[in-house]
Amino acid sequence: MHYLISGHTGFKGSWLSLILSMQGHTVSGISLKPELRSLYLDANLKDLFEHDRHVDIRDKGALNRAGKGGE
C-alpha cells in the first residue's frame, strides 16, 4: 500500500514513515523543511520516500505545484 504522510519531517511523522517502510509499504511525504537536528535528517530518512515534498500545506498554490512535481 502507498501512504502519504503529512508532517513526515517531524518526530512522529519520521517514525511513522520508518515503521510503514519497514513493513514493506511505499511512503511519500509532504511537510515543512526539516529542522537541523531532526530524526528525519539524523537518520537520513529522505531515501525512504517515493515523493518527498517540502512545502507549507496551508499555501494552496505551493501545495498544487508540489502535487504536480514542481517543488
PDB file of N, CA and C in Angstrom:
ATOM      1  N   MET A   1       0.838  -1.166   0.000  1.00  0.00           N
ATOM      2  CA  MET A   1       0.000   0.000   0.000  1.00  0.00           C
ATOM      3  C   MET A   1       0.894   1.244   0.000  1.00  0.00           C
ATOM      4  N   HIS A   2       0.393   2.342  -0.539  1.00  0.00           N
ATOM      5  CA  HIS A   2       1.135   3.603  -0.623  1.00  0.00           C
ATOM      6  C   HIS A   2       0.489   4.610   0.328  1.00  0.00           C
ATOM      7  N   TYR A   3       1.297   5.163   1.227  1.00  0.00           N
ATOM      8  CA  TYR A   3       0.815   6.131   2.213  1.00  0.00           C
ATOM      9  C   TYR A   3       1.425   7.495   1.958  1.00  0.00           C
ATOM     10  N   LEU A   4       0.621   8.548   2.145  1.00  0.00           N
ATOM     11  CA  LEU A   4       1.098   9.926   2.116  1.00  0.00           C
ATOM     12  C   LEU A   4       1.076  10.431   3.551  1.00  0.00           C
ATOM     13  N   ILE A   5       2.239  10.812   4.060  1.00  0.00           N
ATOM     14  CA  ILE A   5       2.375  11.279   5.437  1.00  0.00           C
ATOM     15  C   ILE A   5       2.568  12.789   5.420  1.00  0.00           C
ATOM     16  N   SER A   6       1.642  13.523   6.033  1.00  0.00           N
ATOM     17  CA  SER A   6       1.858  14.961   6.196  1.00  0.00           C
ATOM     18  C   SER A   6       2.627  15.138   7.502  1.00  0.00           C
ATOM     19  N   GLY A   7       3.615  16.013   7.462  1.00  0.00           N
ATOM     20  CA  GLY A   7       4.472  16.181   8.636  1.00  0.00           C
ATOM     21  C   GLY A   7       5.555  15.121   8.727  1.00  0.00           C
ATOM     22  N   HIS A   8       5.976  14.585   7.605  1.00  0.00           N
ATOM     23  CA  HIS A   8       6.951  13.474   7.597  1.00  0.00           C
ATOM     24  C   HIS A   8       8.347  13.867   8.065  1.00  0.00           C
ATOM     25  N   THR A   9       8.652  15.162   8.136  1.00  0.00           N
ATOM     26  CA  THR A   9       9.968  15.574   8.613  1.00  0.00           C
ATOM     27  C   THR A   9       9.999  15.804  10.119  1.00  0.00           C
ATOM     28  N   GLY A  10       8.848  15.761  10.760  1.00  0.00           N
ATOM     29  CA  GLY A  10       8.783  15.913  12.212  1.00  0.00           C
ATOM     30  C   GLY A  10       9.058  14.593  12.919  1.00  0.00           C
ATOM     31  N   PHE A  11       9.064  14.621  14.227  1.00  0.00           N
ATOM     32  CA  PHE A  11       9.404  13.439  15.026  1.00  0.00           C
ATOM     33  C   PHE A  11       8.425  12.283  14.789  1.00  0.00           C
ATOM     34  N   LYS A  12       7.135  12.546  14.964  1.00  0.00           N
ATOM     35  CA  LYS A  12       6.138  11.474  14.801  1.00  0.00           C
ATOM     36  C   LYS A  12       6.022  11.014  13.356  1.00  0.00           C
ATOM     37  N   GLY A  13       6.046  11.976  12.423  1.00  0.00           N
ATOM     38  CA  GLY A  13       5.957  11.618  11.014  1.00  0.00           C
ATOM     39  C   GLY A  13       7.145  10.800  10.535  1.00  0.00           C
ATOM     40  N   SER A  14       8.326  11.122  11.050  1.00  0.00           N
ATOM     41  CA  SER A  14       9.526  10.347  10.692  1.00  0.00           C
ATOM     42  C   SER A  14       9.404   8.908  11.175  1.00  0.00           C
ATOM     43  N   TRP A  15       8.979   8.743  12.420  1.00  0.00           N
ATOM     44  CA  TRP A  15       8.815   7.391  12.959  1.00  0.00           C
ATOM     45  C   TRP A  15       7.746   6.613  12.197  1.00  0.00           C
ATOM     46  N   LEU A  16       6.615   7.257  11.927  1.00  0.00           N
ATOM     47  CA  LEU A  16       5.549   6.576  11.187  1.00  0.00           C
ATOM     48  C   LEU A  16       6.039   6.157   9.811  1.00  0.00           C
ATOM     49  N   SER A  17       6.750   7.034   9.134  1.00  0.00           N
ATOM     50  CA  SER A  17       7.282   6.715   7.808  1.00  0.00           C
ATOM     51  C   SER A  17       8.253   5.543   7.867  1.00  0.00           C
ATOM     52  N   LEU A  18       9.118   5.547   8.861  1.00  0.00           N
ATOM     53  CA  LEU A  18      10.084   4.465   9.023  1.00  0.00           C
ATOM     54  C   LEU A  18       9.386   3.132   9.281  1.00  0.00           C
ATOM     55  N   ILE A  19       8.414   3.126  10.169  1.00  0.00           N
ATOM     56  CA  ILE A  19       7.684   1.895  10.502  1.00  0.00           C
ATOM     57  C   ILE A  19       6.936   1.357   9.285  1.00  0.00           C
ATOM     58  N   LEU A  20       6.237   2.240   8.566  1.00  0.00           N
ATOM     59  CA  LEU A  20       5.493   1.795   7.377  1.00  0.00           C
ATOM     60  C   LEU A  20       6.438   1.246   6.313  1.00  0.00           C
ATOM     61  N   SER A  21       7.565   1.907   6.129  1.00  0.00           N
ATOM     62  CA  SER A  21       8.540   1.445   5.153  1.00  0.00           C
ATOM     63  C   SER A  21       9.108   0.076   5.543  1.00  0.00           C
ATOM     64  N   MET A  22       9.391  -0.103   6.826  1.00  0.00           N
ATOM     65  CA  MET A  22       9.930  -1.384   7.301  1.00  0.00           C
ATOM     66  C   MET A  22       8.915  -2.513   7.133  1.00  0.00           C
ATOM     67  N   GLN A  23       7.631  -2.170   7.073  1.00  0.00           N
ATOM     68  CA  GLN A  23       6.586  -3.170   6.862  1.00  0.00           C
ATOM     69  C   GLN A  23       6.334  -3.426   5.378  1.00  0.00           C
ATOM     70  N   GLY A  24       7.131  -2.789   4.523  1.00  0.00           N
ATOM     71  CA  GLY A  24       7.046  -3.040   3.091  1.00  0.00           C
ATOM     72  C   GLY A  24       6.139  -2.107   2.317  1.00  0.00           C
ATOM     73  N   HIS A  25       5.655  -1.048   2.953  1.00  0.00           N
ATOM     74  CA  HIS A  25       4.775  -0.110   2.278  1.00  0.00           C
ATOM     75  C   HIS A  25       5.581   0.963   1.555  1.00  0.00           C
ATOM     76  N   THR A  26       4.986   1.555   0.538  1.00  0.00           N
ATOM     77  CA  THR A  26       5.558   2.698  -0.145  1.00  0.00           C
ATOM     78  C   THR A  26       5.101   3.947   0.601  1.00  0.00           C
ATOM     79  N   VAL A  27       6.022   4.896   0.790  1.00  0.00           N
ATOM     80  CA  VAL A  27       5.715   6.080   1.581  1.00  0.00           C
ATOM     81  C   VAL A  27       6.114   7.335   0.817  1.00  0.00           C
ATOM     82  N   SER A  28       5.219   8.319   0.823  1.00  0.00           N
ATOM     83  CA  SER A  28       5.511   9.654   0.319  1.00  0.00           C
ATOM     84  C   SER A  28       5.236  10.626   1.448  1.00  0.00           C
ATOM     85  N   GLY A  29       5.884  11.794   1.403  1.00  0.00           N
ATOM     86  CA  GLY A  29       5.705  12.752   2.478  1.00  0.00           C
ATOM     87  C   GLY A  29       5.605  14.173   1.983  1.00  0.00           C
ATOM     88  N   ILE A  30       4.845  14.977   2.734  1.00  0.00           N
ATOM     89  CA  ILE A  30       4.737  16.398   2.469  1.00  0.00           C
ATOM     90  C   ILE A  30       4.732  17.132   3.803  1.00  0.00           C
ATOM     91  N   SER A  31       5.610  18.110   3.914  1.00  0.00           N
ATOM     92  CA  SER A  31       5.706  18.864   5.170  1.00  0.00           C
ATOM     93  C   SER A  31       6.657  20.034   4.982  1.00  0.00           C
ATOM     94  N   LEU A  32       6.867  20.768   6.054  1.00  0.00           N
ATOM     95  CA  LEU A  32       7.844  21.842   6.051  1.00  0.00           C
ATOM     96  C   LEU A  32       9.247  21.246   5.971  1.00  0.00           C
ATOM     97  N   LYS A  33      10.233  22.089   5.668  1.00  0.00           N
ATOM     98  CA  LYS A  33      11.618  21.617   5.652  1.00  0.00           C
ATOM     99  C   LYS A  33      12.003  21.152   7.052  1.00  0.00           C
ATOM    100  N   PRO A  34      12.828  20.114   7.147  1.00  0.00           N
ATOM    101  CA  PRO A  34      13.200  19.590   8.465  1.00  0.00           C
ATOM    102  C   PRO A  34      14.088  20.557   9.247  1.00  0.00           C
ATOM    103  N   GLU A  35      13.964  20.504  10.563  1.00  0.00           N
ATOM    104  CA  GLU A  35      14.864  21.274  11.416  1.00  0.00           C
ATOM    105  C   GLU A  35      16.244  20.620  11.391  1.00  0.00           C
ATOM    106  N   LEU A  36      17.265  21.390  11.746  1.00  0.00           N
ATOM    107  CA  LEU A  36      18.647  20.900  11.632  1.00  0.00           C
ATOM    108  C   LEU A  36      18.917  19.641  12.440  1.00  0.00           C
ATOM    109  N   ARG A  37      18.444  19.554  13.657  1.00  0.00           N
ATOM    110  CA  ARG A  37      18.678  18.369  14.496  1.00  0.00           C
ATOM    111  C   ARG A  37      17.388  17.554  14.575  1.00  0.00           C
ATOM    112  N   SER A  38      16.975  16.999  13.450  1.00  0.00           N
ATOM    113  CA  SER A  38      15.738  16.225  13.415  1.00  0.00           C
ATOM    114  C   SER A  38      16.041  14.758  13.137  1.00  0.00           C
ATOM    115  N   LEU A  39      15.133  13.906  13.540  1.00  0.00           N
ATOM    116  CA  LEU A  39      15.254  12.480  13.245  1.00  0.00           C
ATOM    117  C   LEU A  39      15.315  12.261  11.733  1.00  0.00           C
ATOM    118  N   TYR A  40      14.529  13.014  10.998  1.00  0.00           N
ATOM    119  CA  TYR A  40      14.490  12.909   9.541  1.00  0.00           C
ATOM    120  C   TYR A  40      15.899  13.059   8.948  1.00  0.00           C
ATOM    121  N   LEU A  41      16.631  14.076   9.401  1.00  0.00           N
ATOM    122  CA  LEU A  41      17.994  14.292   8.895  1.00  0.00           C
ATOM    123  C   LEU A  41      19.007  13.356   9.539  1.00  0.00           C
ATOM    124  N   ASP A  42      18.925  13.189  10.859  1.00  0.00           N
ATOM    125  CA  ASP A  42      19.902  12.363  11.568  1.00  0.00           C
ATOM    126  C   ASP A  42      19.894  10.915  11.096  1.00  0.00           C
ATOM    127  N   ALA A  43      18.710  10.395  10.758  1.00  0.00           N
ATOM    128  CA  ALA A  43      18.593   9.007  10.309  1.00  0.00           C
ATOM    129  C   ALA A  43      18.600   8.897   8.782  1.00  0.00           C
ATOM    130  N   ASN A  44      18.789  10.031   8.094  1.00  0.00           N
ATOM    131  CA  ASN A  44      18.822  10.065   6.631  1.00  0.00           C
ATOM    132  C   ASN A  44      17.605   9.362   6.023  1.00  0.00           C
ATOM    133  N   LEU A  45      16.428   9.789   6.445  1.00  0.00           N
ATOM    134  CA  LEU A  45      15.191   9.137   6.024  1.00  0.00           C
ATOM    135  C   LEU A  45      14.723   9.545   4.631  1.00  0.00           C
ATOM    136  N   LYS A  46      15.324  10.563   4.032  1.00  0.00           N
ATOM    137  CA  LYS A  46      14.846  11.049   2.739  1.00  0.00           C
ATOM    138  C   LYS A  46      14.815   9.950   1.675  1.00  0.00           C
ATOM    139  N   ASP A  47      15.673   8.956   1.801  1.00  0.00           N
ATOM    140  CA  ASP A  47      15.716   7.873   0.817  1.00  0.00           C
ATOM    141  C   ASP A  47      14.528   6.918   0.924  1.00  0.00           C
ATOM    142  N   LEU A  48      13.751   7.013   2.006  1.00  0.00           N
ATOM    143  CA  LEU A  48      12.583   6.141   2.167  1.00  0.00           C
ATOM    144  C   LEU A  48      11.421   6.529   1.264  1.00  0.00           C
ATOM    145  N   PHE A  49      11.395   7.781   0.843  1.00  0.00           N
ATOM    146  CA  PHE A  49      10.193   8.335   0.240  1.00  0.00           C
ATOM    147  C   PHE A  49      10.201   8.263  -1.280  1.00  0.00           C
ATOM    148  N   GLU A  50       9.069   7.827  -1.819  1.00  0.00           N
ATOM    149  CA  GLU A  50       8.894   7.860  -3.263  1.00  0.00           C
ATOM    150  C   GLU A  50       8.781   9.319  -3.721  1.00  0.00           C
ATOM    151  N   HIS A  51       8.028  10.114  -2.967  1.00  0.00           N
ATOM    152  CA  HIS A  51       7.899  11.552  -3.204  1.00  0.00           C
ATOM    153  C   HIS A  51       8.162  12.252  -1.879  1.00  0.00           C
ATOM    154  N   ASP A  52       9.058  13.227  -1.901  1.00  0.00           N
ATOM    155  CA  ASP A  52       9.480  13.930  -0.694  1.00  0.00           C
ATOM    156  C   ASP A  52       9.341  15.428  -0.952  1.00  0.00           C
ATOM    157  N   ARG A  53       8.220  15.999  -0.549  1.00  0.00           N
ATOM    158  CA  ARG A  53       7.921  17.404  -0.840  1.00  0.00           C
ATOM    159  C   ARG A  53       8.006  18.239   0.432  1.00  0.00           C
ATOM    160  N   HIS A  54       8.640  19.400   0.322  1.00  0.00           N
ATOM    161  CA  HIS A  54       8.782  20.303   1.463  1.00  0.00           C
ATOM    162  C   HIS A  54       8.079  21.618   1.151  1.00  0.00           C
ATOM    163  N   VAL A  55       6.816  21.701   1.531  1.00  0.00           N
ATOM    164  CA  VAL A  55       6.006  22.904   1.337  1.00  0.00           C
ATOM    165  C   VAL A  55       5.089  23.077   2.545  1.00  0.00           C
ATOM    166  N   ASP A  56       4.587  24.287   2.680  1.00  0.00           N
ATOM    167  CA  ASP A  56       3.594  24.581   3.714  1.00  0.00           C
ATOM    168  C   ASP A  56       2.222  24.205   3.153  1.00  0.00           C
ATOM    169  N   ILE A  57       1.569  23.222   3.742  1.00  0.00           N
ATOM    170  CA  ILE A  57       0.290  22.749   3.200  1.00  0.00           C
ATOM    171  C   ILE A  57      -0.818  23.790   3.337  1.00  0.00           C
ATOM    172  N   ARG A  58      -0.569  24.870   4.069  1.00  0.00           N
ATOM    173  CA  ARG A  58      -1.550  25.959   4.167  1.00  0.00           C
ATOM    174  C   ARG A  58      -1.485  26.873   2.950  1.00  0.00           C
ATOM    175  N   ASP A  59      -0.443  26.751   2.134  1.00  0.00           N
ATOM    176  CA  ASP A  59      -0.266  27.553   0.926  1.00  0.00           C
ATOM    177  C   ASP A  59      -0.803  26.756  -0.260  1.00  0.00           C
ATOM    178  N   LYS A  60      -2.041  27.077  -0.667  1.00  0.00           N
ATOM    179  CA  LYS A  60      -2.723  26.283  -1.695  1.00  0.00           C
ATOM    180  C   LYS A  60      -1.938  26.243  -3.011  1.00  0.00           C
ATOM    181  N   GLY A  61      -1.351  27.370  -3.427  1.00  0.00           N
ATOM    182  CA  GLY A  61      -0.581  27.402  -4.666  1.00  0.00           C
ATOM    183  C   GLY A  61       0.634  26.505  -4.598  1.00  0.00           C
ATOM    184  N   ALA A  62       1.378  26.577  -3.486  1.00  0.00           N
ATOM    185  CA  ALA A  62       2.561  25.729  -3.321  1.00  0.00           C
ATOM    186  C   ALA A  62       2.165  24.261  -3.246  1.00  0.00           C
ATOM    187  N   LEU A  63       1.058  23.984  -2.610  1.00  0.00           N
ATOM    188  CA  LEU A  63       0.570  22.611  -2.490  1.00  0.00           C
ATOM    189  C   LEU A  63       0.208  22.057  -3.871  1.00  0.00           C
ATOM    190  N   ASN A  64      -0.461  22.858  -4.678  1.00  0.00           N
ATOM    191  CA  ASN A  64      -0.804  22.413  -6.046  1.00  0.00           C
ATOM    192  C   ASN A  64       0.450  22.173  -6.876  1.00  0.00           C
ATOM    193  N   ARG A  65       1.432  23.065  -6.772  1.00  0.00           N
ATOM    194  CA  ARG A  65       2.691  22.869  -7.520  1.00  0.00           C
ATOM    195  C   ARG A  65       3.423  21.608  -7.042  1.00  0.00           C
ATOM    196  N   ALA A  66       3.420  21.367  -5.742  1.00  0.00           N
ATOM    197  CA  ALA A  66       4.084  20.177  -5.200  1.00  0.00           C
ATOM    198  C   ALA A  66       3.404  18.905  -5.699  1.00  0.00           C
ATOM    199  N   GLY A  67       2.099  18.956  -5.809  1.00  0.00           N
ATOM    200  CA  GLY A  67       1.341  17.799  -6.302  1.00  0.00           C
ATOM    201  C   GLY A  67       1.641  17.479  -7.750  1.00  0.00           C
ATOM    202  N   LYS A  68       2.093  18.473  -8.476  1.00  0.00           N
ATOM    203  CA  LYS A  68       2.450  18.286  -9.881  1.00  0.00           C
ATOM    204  C   LYS A  68       3.943  18.062 -10.070  1.00  0.00           C
ATOM    205  N   GLY A  69       4.657  17.912  -8.946  1.00  0.00           N
ATOM    206  CA  GLY A  69       6.098  17.649  -9.005  1.00  0.00           C
ATOM    207  C   GLY A  69       6.940  18.897  -9.128  1.00  0.00           C
ATOM    208  N   GLY A  70       6.345  20.078  -8.874  1.00  0.00           N
ATOM    209  CA  GLY A  70       7.053  21.329  -9.067  1.00  0.00           C
ATOM    210  C   GLY A  70       7.944  21.755  -7.929  1.00  0.00           C
ATOM    211  N   GLU A  71       7.745  21.268  -6.721  1.00  0.00           N
ATOM    212  CA  GLU A  71       8.578  21.704  -5.581  1.00  0.00           C
ATOM    213  C   GLU A  71       9.129  20.509  -4.858  1.00  0.00           C
TER     214      GLU A  71
END
